[in-house]
Amino acid sequence: MKHKLFMLIWLAMLAFCSVVVGVLALLNYANAEVIFWTRTPIETEAGKIVWIVISATCLILFLVLAVREFRSKSDQSST
């Protein structure tokens, strides 16, 4: 299903953007604050590091799932 592969690639790109924004915020190159609906912004260095780690984990997860989906679809189409 191409929709599932497209969704996984899109989510991986979104996670990559989150990693980039987190790194820029950690290095003080960007004024980025991670704001949730019910909480105050994450402005501490530890909070930014956690944001980067979670975003990088999501990036790796979505890329692995996208590759598995692509391989399974290409194996089905070749047989």
PDB file of N, CA and C in Angstrom:
ATOM      1  N   MET A   1       0.842  -1.182   0.000  1.00  0.00           N
ATOM      2  CA  MET A   1       0.000   0.000   0.000  1.00  0.00           C
ATOM      3  C   MET A   1       0.885   1.242   0.000  1.00  0.00           C
ATOM      4  N   LYS A   2       0.754   2.042  -1.006  1.00  0.00           N
ATOM      5  CA  LYS A   2       1.584   3.233  -1.137  1.00  0.00           C
ATOM      6  C   LYS A   2       1.255   4.277  -0.083  1.00  0.00           C
ATOM      7  N   HIS A   3       0.030   4.289   0.406  1.00  0.00           N
ATOM      8  CA  HIS A   3      -0.358   5.285   1.404  1.00  0.00           C
ATOM      9  C   HIS A   3       0.406   5.086   2.706  1.00  0.00           C
ATOM     10  N   LYS A   4       0.609   3.846   3.093  1.00  0.00           N
ATOM     11  CA  LYS A   4       1.329   3.557   4.335  1.00  0.00           C
ATOM     12  C   LYS A   4       2.791   3.974   4.197  1.00  0.00           C
ATOM     13  N   LEU A   5       3.399   3.676   3.064  1.00  0.00           N
ATOM     14  CA  LEU A   5       4.785   4.058   2.829  1.00  0.00           C
ATOM     15  C   LEU A   5       4.929   5.582   2.803  1.00  0.00           C
ATOM     16  N   PHE A   6       4.015   6.249   2.134  1.00  0.00           N
ATOM     17  CA  PHE A   6       4.031   7.715   2.096  1.00  0.00           C
ATOM     18  C   PHE A   6       3.904   8.296   3.494  1.00  0.00           C
ATOM     19  N   MET A   7       3.013   7.750   4.306  1.00  0.00           N
ATOM     20  CA  MET A   7       2.813   8.237   5.665  1.00  0.00           C
ATOM     21  C   MET A   7       4.084   8.050   6.500  1.00  0.00           C
ATOM     22  N   LEU A   8       4.730   6.901   6.371  1.00  0.00           N
ATOM     23  CA  LEU A   8       5.945   6.644   7.145  1.00  0.00           C
ATOM     24  C   LEU A   8       7.076   7.582   6.730  1.00  0.00           C
ATOM     25  N   ILE A   9       7.207   7.838   5.440  1.00  0.00           N
ATOM     26  CA  ILE A   9       8.245   8.762   4.973  1.00  0.00           C
ATOM     27  C   ILE A   9       7.945  10.182   5.448  1.00  0.00           C
ATOM     28  N   TRP A  10       6.684  10.574   5.399  1.00  0.00           N
ATOM     29  CA  TRP A  10       6.296  11.903   5.862  1.00  0.00           C
ATOM     30  C   TRP A  10       6.573  12.059   7.351  1.00  0.00           C
ATOM     31  N   LEU A  11       6.261  11.042   8.145  1.00  0.00           N
ATOM     32  CA  LEU A  11       6.528  11.104   9.581  1.00  0.00           C
ATOM     33  C   LEU A  11       8.030  11.131   9.867  1.00  0.00           C
ATOM     34  N   ALA A  12       8.819  10.431   9.062  1.00  0.00           N
ATOM     35  CA  ALA A  12      10.270  10.464   9.228  1.00  0.00           C
ATOM     36  C   ALA A  12      10.806  11.871   8.936  1.00  0.00           C
ATOM     37  N   MET A  13      10.279  12.514   7.902  1.00  0.00           N
ATOM     38  CA  MET A  13      10.712  13.883   7.601  1.00  0.00           C
ATOM     39  C   MET A  13      10.313  14.842   8.715  1.00  0.00           C
ATOM     40  N   LEU A  14       9.141  14.653   9.282  1.00  0.00           N
ATOM     41  CA  LEU A  14       8.700  15.490  10.392  1.00  0.00           C
ATOM     42  C   LEU A  14       9.601  15.287  11.615  1.00  0.00           C
ATOM     43  N   ALA A  15       9.969  14.040  11.888  1.00  0.00           N
ATOM     44  CA  ALA A  15      10.871  13.759  13.004  1.00  0.00           C
ATOM     45  C   ALA A  15      12.247  14.364  12.749  1.00  0.00           C
ATOM     46  N   PHE A  16      12.713  14.325  11.494  1.00  0.00           N
ATOM     47  CA  PHE A  16      14.000  14.936  11.153  1.00  0.00           C
ATOM     48  C   PHE A  16      13.964  16.438  11.410  1.00  0.00           C
ATOM     49  N   CYS A  17      12.883  17.082  11.008  1.00  0.00           N
ATOM     50  CA  CYS A  17      12.742  18.520  11.263  1.00  0.00           C
ATOM     51  C   CYS A  17      12.734  18.811  12.758  1.00  0.00           C
ATOM     52  N   SER A  18      12.108  17.948  13.533  1.00  0.00           N
ATOM     53  CA  SER A  18      12.090  18.133  14.989  1.00  0.00           C
ATOM     54  C   SER A  18      13.490  18.000  15.574  1.00  0.00           C
ATOM     55  N   VAL A  19      14.282  17.068  15.050  1.00  0.00           N
ATOM     56  CA  VAL A  19      15.665  16.916  15.515  1.00  0.00           C
ATOM     57  C   VAL A  19      16.464  18.175  15.183  1.00  0.00           C
ATOM     58  N   VAL A  20      16.311  18.671  13.964  1.00  0.00           N
ATOM     59  CA  VAL A  20      17.052  19.869  13.552  1.00  0.00           C
ATOM     60  C   VAL A  20      16.679  21.066  14.423  1.00  0.00           C
ATOM     61  N   VAL A  21      15.406  21.270  14.657  1.00  0.00           N
ATOM     62  CA  VAL A  21      14.963  22.384  15.499  1.00  0.00           C
ATOM     63  C   VAL A  21      15.480  22.215  16.925  1.00  0.00           C
ATOM     64  N   GLY A  22      15.459  21.001  17.435  1.00  0.00           N
ATOM     65  CA  GLY A  22      15.970  20.756  18.781  1.00  0.00           C
ATOM     66  C   GLY A  22      17.457  21.037  18.902  1.00  0.00           C
ATOM     67  N   VAL A  23      18.222  20.614  17.901  1.00  0.00           N
ATOM     68  CA  VAL A  23      19.673  20.865  17.927  1.00  0.00           C
ATOM     69  C   VAL A  23      19.956  22.364  17.818  1.00  0.00           C
ATOM     70  N   LEU A  24      19.243  23.044  16.933  1.00  0.00           N
ATOM     71  CA  LEU A  24      19.440  24.496  16.810  1.00  0.00           C
ATOM     72  C   LEU A  24      19.067  25.220  18.099  1.00  0.00           C
ATOM     73  N   ALA A  25      18.005  24.767  18.749  1.00  0.00           N
ATOM     74  CA  ALA A  25      17.613  25.385  20.020  1.00  0.00           C
ATOM     75  C   ALA A  25      18.636  25.104  21.109  1.00  0.00           C
ATOM     76  N   LEU A  26      19.192  23.897  21.111  1.00  0.00           N
ATOM     77  CA  LEU A  26      20.194  23.543  22.113  1.00  0.00           C
ATOM     78  C   LEU A  26      21.469  24.356  21.930  1.00  0.00           C
ATOM     79  N   LEU A  27      21.818  24.631  20.673  1.00  0.00           N
ATOM     80  CA  LEU A  27      23.023  25.407  20.382  1.00  0.00           C
ATOM     81  C   LEU A  27      22.776  26.914  20.396  1.00  0.00           C
ATOM     82  N   ASN A  28      21.568  27.316  20.749  1.00  0.00           N
ATOM     83  CA  ASN A  28      21.156  28.724  20.811  1.00  0.00           C
ATOM     84  C   ASN A  28      21.234  29.439  19.465  1.00  0.00           C
ATOM     85  N   TYR A  29      21.072  28.703  18.378  1.00  0.00           N
ATOM     86  CA  TYR A  29      20.995  29.318  17.056  1.00  0.00           C
ATOM     87  C   TYR A  29      19.561  29.667  16.690  1.00  0.00           C
ATOM     88  N   ALA A  30      18.621  29.086  17.375  1.00  0.00           N
ATOM     89  CA  ALA A  30      17.211  29.370  17.116  1.00  0.00           C
ATOM     90  C   ALA A  30      16.511  29.535  18.448  1.00  0.00           C
ATOM     91  N   ASN A  31      15.514  30.374  18.468  1.00  0.00           N
ATOM     92  CA  ASN A  31      14.728  30.579  19.664  1.00  0.00           C
ATOM     93  C   ASN A  31      13.493  29.682  19.563  1.00  0.00           C
ATOM     94  N   ALA A  32      13.694  28.420  19.843  1.00  0.00           N
ATOM     95  CA  ALA A  32      12.606  27.448  19.728  1.00  0.00           C
ATOM     96  C   ALA A  32      12.198  26.991  21.120  1.00  0.00           C
ATOM     97  N   GLU A  33      10.931  26.987  21.346  1.00  0.00           N
ATOM     98  CA  GLU A  33      10.391  26.491  22.606  1.00  0.00           C
ATOM     99  C   GLU A  33       9.376  25.408  22.277  1.00  0.00           C
ATOM    100  N   VAL A  34       9.522  24.269  22.927  1.00  0.00           N
ATOM    101  CA  VAL A  34       8.575  23.180  22.734  1.00  0.00           C
ATOM    102  C   VAL A  34       7.427  23.429  23.691  1.00  0.00           C
ATOM    103  N   ILE A  35       6.267  23.713  23.144  1.00  0.00           N
ATOM    104  CA  ILE A  35       5.126  24.093  23.970  1.00  0.00           C
ATOM    105  C   ILE A  35       4.037  23.036  23.840  1.00  0.00           C
ATOM    106  N   PHE A  36       3.543  22.594  24.963  1.00  0.00           N
ATOM    107  CA  PHE A  36       2.429  21.669  24.991  1.00  0.00           C
ATOM    108  C   PHE A  36       1.175  22.432  25.414  1.00  0.00           C
ATOM    109  N   TRP A  37       0.037  21.840  25.205  1.00  0.00           N
ATOM    110  CA  TRP A  37      -1.217  22.535  25.468  1.00  0.00           C
ATOM    111  C   TRP A  37      -1.437  22.832  26.950  1.00  0.00           C
ATOM    112  N   THR A  38      -0.995  21.963  27.818  1.00  0.00           N
ATOM    113  CA  THR A  38      -1.307  22.131  29.235  1.00  0.00           C
ATOM    114  C   THR A  38      -0.100  22.463  30.091  1.00  0.00           C
ATOM    115  N   ARG A  39       1.055  22.600  29.487  1.00  0.00           N
ATOM    116  CA  ARG A  39       2.273  22.821  30.272  1.00  0.00           C
ATOM    117  C   ARG A  39       3.004  24.076  29.812  1.00  0.00           C
ATOM    118  N   THR A  40       3.993  24.436  30.590  1.00  0.00           N
ATOM    119  CA  THR A  40       4.831  25.572  30.220  1.00  0.00           C
ATOM    120  C   THR A  40       5.853  25.123  29.173  1.00  0.00           C
ATOM    121  N   PRO A  41       6.457  26.059  28.455  1.00  0.00           N
ATOM    122  CA  PRO A  41       7.446  25.674  27.437  1.00  0.00           C
ATOM    123  C   PRO A  41       8.660  24.969  28.038  1.00  0.00           C
ATOM    124  N   ILE A  42       9.241  24.070  27.248  1.00  0.00           N
ATOM    125  CA  ILE A  42      10.473  23.395  27.667  1.00  0.00           C
ATOM    126  C   ILE A  42      11.623  24.308  27.289  1.00  0.00           C
ATOM    127  N   GLU A  43      12.221  24.935  28.282  1.00  0.00           N
ATOM    128  CA  GLU A  43      13.299  25.878  28.021  1.00  0.00           C
ATOM    129  C   GLU A  43      14.623  25.413  28.602  1.00  0.00           C
ATOM    130  N   THR A  44      14.626  24.343  29.369  1.00  0.00           N
ATOM    131  CA  THR A  44      15.864  23.887  29.982  1.00  0.00           C
ATOM    132  C   THR A  44      16.686  23.090  28.982  1.00  0.00           C
ATOM    133  N   GLU A  45      17.964  23.008  29.260  1.00  0.00           N
ATOM    134  CA  GLU A  45      18.861  22.248  28.383  1.00  0.00           C
ATOM    135  C   GLU A  45      18.512  20.762  28.416  1.00  0.00           C
ATOM    136  N   ALA A  46      18.182  20.251  29.591  1.00  0.00           N
ATOM    137  CA  ALA A  46      17.815  18.836  29.703  1.00  0.00           C
ATOM    138  C   ALA A  46      16.535  18.539  28.924  1.00  0.00           C
ATOM    139  N   GLY A  47      15.584  19.438  28.962  1.00  0.00           N
ATOM    140  CA  GLY A  47      14.350  19.245  28.211  1.00  0.00           C
ATOM    141  C   GLY A  47      14.586  19.230  26.721  1.00  0.00           C
ATOM    142  N   LYS A  48      15.506  20.073  26.247  1.00  0.00           N
ATOM    143  CA  LYS A  48      15.830  20.100  24.819  1.00  0.00           C
ATOM    144  C   LYS A  48      16.548  18.831  24.395  1.00  0.00           C
ATOM    145  N   ILE A  49      17.417  18.310  25.271  1.00  0.00           N
ATOM    146  CA  ILE A  49      18.116  17.060  24.963  1.00  0.00           C
ATOM    147  C   ILE A  49      17.125  15.906  24.880  1.00  0.00           C
ATOM    148  N   VAL A  50      16.183  15.869  25.792  1.00  0.00           N
ATOM    149  CA  VAL A  50      15.151  14.830  25.751  1.00  0.00           C
ATOM    150  C   VAL A  50      14.330  14.947  24.464  1.00  0.00           C
ATOM    151  N   TRP A  51      14.012  16.173  24.074  1.00  0.00           N
ATOM    152  CA  TRP A  51      13.271  16.403  22.825  1.00  0.00           C
ATOM    153  C   TRP A  51      14.051  15.845  21.628  1.00  0.00           C
ATOM    154  N   ILE A  52      15.362  16.084  21.595  1.00  0.00           N
ATOM    155  CA  ILE A  52      16.199  15.594  20.502  1.00  0.00           C
ATOM    156  C   ILE A  52      16.252  14.073  20.498  1.00  0.00           C
ATOM    157  N   VAL A  53      16.407  13.471  21.668  1.00  0.00           N
ATOM    158  CA  VAL A  53      16.490  12.008  21.760  1.00  0.00           C
ATOM    159  C   VAL A  53      15.185  11.353  21.313  1.00  0.00           C
ATOM    160  N   ILE A  54      14.076  11.885  21.760  1.00  0.00           N
ATOM    161  CA  ILE A  54      12.781  11.316  21.369  1.00  0.00           C
ATOM    162  C   ILE A  54      12.553  11.503  19.872  1.00  0.00           C
ATOM    163  N   SER A  55      12.881  12.658  19.332  1.00  0.00           N
ATOM    164  CA  SER A  55      12.702  12.906  17.902  1.00  0.00           C
ATOM    165  C   SER A  55      13.612  12.005  17.071  1.00  0.00           C
ATOM    166  N   ALA A  56      14.845  11.816  17.508  1.00  0.00           N
ATOM    167  CA  ALA A  56      15.777  10.941  16.784  1.00  0.00           C
ATOM    168  C   ALA A  56      15.309   9.487  16.840  1.00  0.00           C
ATOM    169  N   THR A  57      14.765   9.085  17.979  1.00  0.00           N
ATOM    170  CA  THR A  57      14.227   7.724  18.090  1.00  0.00           C
ATOM    171  C   THR A  57      13.057   7.526  17.138  1.00  0.00           C
ATOM    172  N   CYS A  58      12.179   8.498  17.063  1.00  0.00           N
ATOM    173  CA  CYS A  58      11.055   8.424  16.126  1.00  0.00           C
ATOM    174  C   CYS A  58      11.548   8.394  14.686  1.00  0.00           C
ATOM    175  N   LEU A  59      12.563   9.192  14.375  1.00  0.00           N
ATOM    176  CA  LEU A  59      13.130   9.202  13.027  1.00  0.00           C
ATOM    177  C   LEU A  59      13.644   7.824  12.644  1.00  0.00           C
ATOM    178  N   ILE A  60      14.417   7.208  13.511  1.00  0.00           N
ATOM    179  CA  ILE A  60      14.953   5.873  13.234  1.00  0.00           C
ATOM    180  C   ILE A  60      13.829   4.858  13.097  1.00  0.00           C
ATOM    181  N   LEU A  61      12.856   4.919  13.977  1.00  0.00           N
ATOM    182  CA  LEU A  61      11.733   3.983  13.939  1.00  0.00           C
ATOM    183  C   LEU A  61      10.958   4.103  12.627  1.00  0.00           C
ATOM    184  N   PHE A  62      10.626   5.328  12.226  1.00  0.00           N
ATOM    185  CA  PHE A  62       9.857   5.519  11.001  1.00  0.00           C
ATOM    186  C   PHE A  62      10.652   5.119   9.766  1.00  0.00           C
ATOM    187  N   LEU A  63      11.962   5.372   9.768  1.00  0.00           N
ATOM    188  CA  LEU A  63      12.775   4.951   8.635  1.00  0.00           C
ATOM    189  C   LEU A  63      12.853   3.429   8.521  1.00  0.00           C
ATOM    190  N   VAL A  64      13.009   2.764   9.646  1.00  0.00           N
ATOM    191  CA  VAL A  64      13.056   1.301   9.638  1.00  0.00           C
ATOM    192  C   VAL A  64      11.720   0.728   9.150  1.00  0.00           C
ATOM    193  N   LEU A  65      10.622   1.277   9.645  1.00  0.00           N
ATOM    194  CA  LEU A  65       9.309   0.795   9.210  1.00  0.00           C
ATOM    195  C   LEU A  65       9.071   1.070   7.725  1.00  0.00           C
ATOM    196  N   ALA A  66       9.537   2.220   7.235  1.00  0.00           N
ATOM    197  CA  ALA A  66       9.375   2.543   5.820  1.00  0.00           C
ATOM    198  C   ALA A  66      10.191   1.586   4.947  1.00  0.00           C
ATOM    199  N   VAL A  67      11.414   1.282   5.365  1.00  0.00           N
ATOM    200  CA  VAL A  67      12.241   0.347   4.598  1.00  0.00           C
ATOM    201  C   VAL A  67      11.622  -1.041   4.593  1.00  0.00           C
ATOM    202  N   ARG A  68      11.128  -1.476   5.731  1.00  0.00           N
ATOM    203  CA  ARG A  68      10.471  -2.798   5.793  1.00  0.00           C
ATOM    204  C   ARG A  68       9.238  -2.837   4.902  1.00  0.00           C
ATOM    205  N   GLU A  69       8.460  -1.769   4.911  1.00  0.00           N
ATOM    206  CA  GLU A  69       7.261  -1.706   4.076  1.00  0.00           C
ATOM    207  C   GLU A  69       7.641  -1.717   2.588  1.00  0.00           C
ATOM    208  N   PHE A  70       8.664  -0.962   2.241  1.00  0.00           N
ATOM    209  CA  PHE A  70       9.104  -0.924   0.849  1.00  0.00           C
ATOM    210  C   PHE A  70       9.611  -2.283   0.397  1.00  0.00           C
ATOM    211  N   ARG A  71      10.399  -2.951   1.236  1.00  0.00           N
ATOM    212  CA  ARG A  71      10.917  -4.279   0.878  1.00  0.00           C
ATOM    213  C   ARG A  71       9.805  -5.310   0.759  1.00  0.00           C
ATOM    214  N   SER A  72       8.843  -5.256   1.652  1.00  0.00           N
ATOM    215  CA  SER A  72       7.756  -6.243   1.589  1.00  0.00           C
ATOM    216  C   SER A  72       6.909  -6.023   0.342  1.00  0.00           C
ATOM    217  N   LYS A  73       6.690  -4.781  -0.037  1.00  0.00           N
ATOM    218  CA  LYS A  73       5.902  -4.500  -1.248  1.00  0.00           C
ATOM    219  C   LYS A  73       6.684  -4.864  -2.500  1.00  0.00           C
ATOM    220  N   SER A  74       8.000  -4.633  -2.511  1.00  0.00           N
ATOM    221  CA  SER A  74       8.780  -4.969  -3.696  1.00  0.00           C
ATOM    222  C   SER A  74       8.925  -6.487  -3.827  1.00  0.00           C
ATOM    223  N   ASP A  75       8.979  -7.216  -2.704  1.00  0.00           N
ATOM    224  CA  ASP A  75       9.027  -8.688  -2.759  1.00  0.00           C
ATOM    225  C   ASP A  75       7.720  -9.256  -3.275  1.00  0.00           C
ATOM    226  N   GLN A  76       6.600  -8.659  -2.875  1.00  0.00           N
ATOM    227  CA  GLN A  76       5.291  -9.133  -3.338  1.00  0.00           C
ATOM    228  C   GLN A  76       5.091  -8.847  -4.810  1.00  0.00           C
ATOM    229  N   SER A  77       5.584  -7.735  -5.289  1.00  0.00           N
ATOM    230  CA  SER A  77       5.378  -7.385  -6.686  1.00  0.00           C
ATOM    231  C   SER A  77       6.292  -8.184  -7.616  1.00  0.00           C
ATOM    232  N   SER A  78       7.429  -8.655  -7.107  1.00  0.00           N
ATOM    233  CA  SER A  78       8.360  -9.412  -7.952  1.00  0.00           C
ATOM    234  C   SER A  78       7.951 -10.880  -8.074  1.00  0.00           C
ATOM    235  N   THR A  79       7.139 -11.377  -7.138  1.00  0.00           N
ATOM    236  CA  THR A  79       6.712 -12.786  -7.224  1.00  0.00           C
ATOM    237  C   THR A  79       5.369 -12.933  -7.857  1.00  0.00           C
TER     238      THR A  79
END
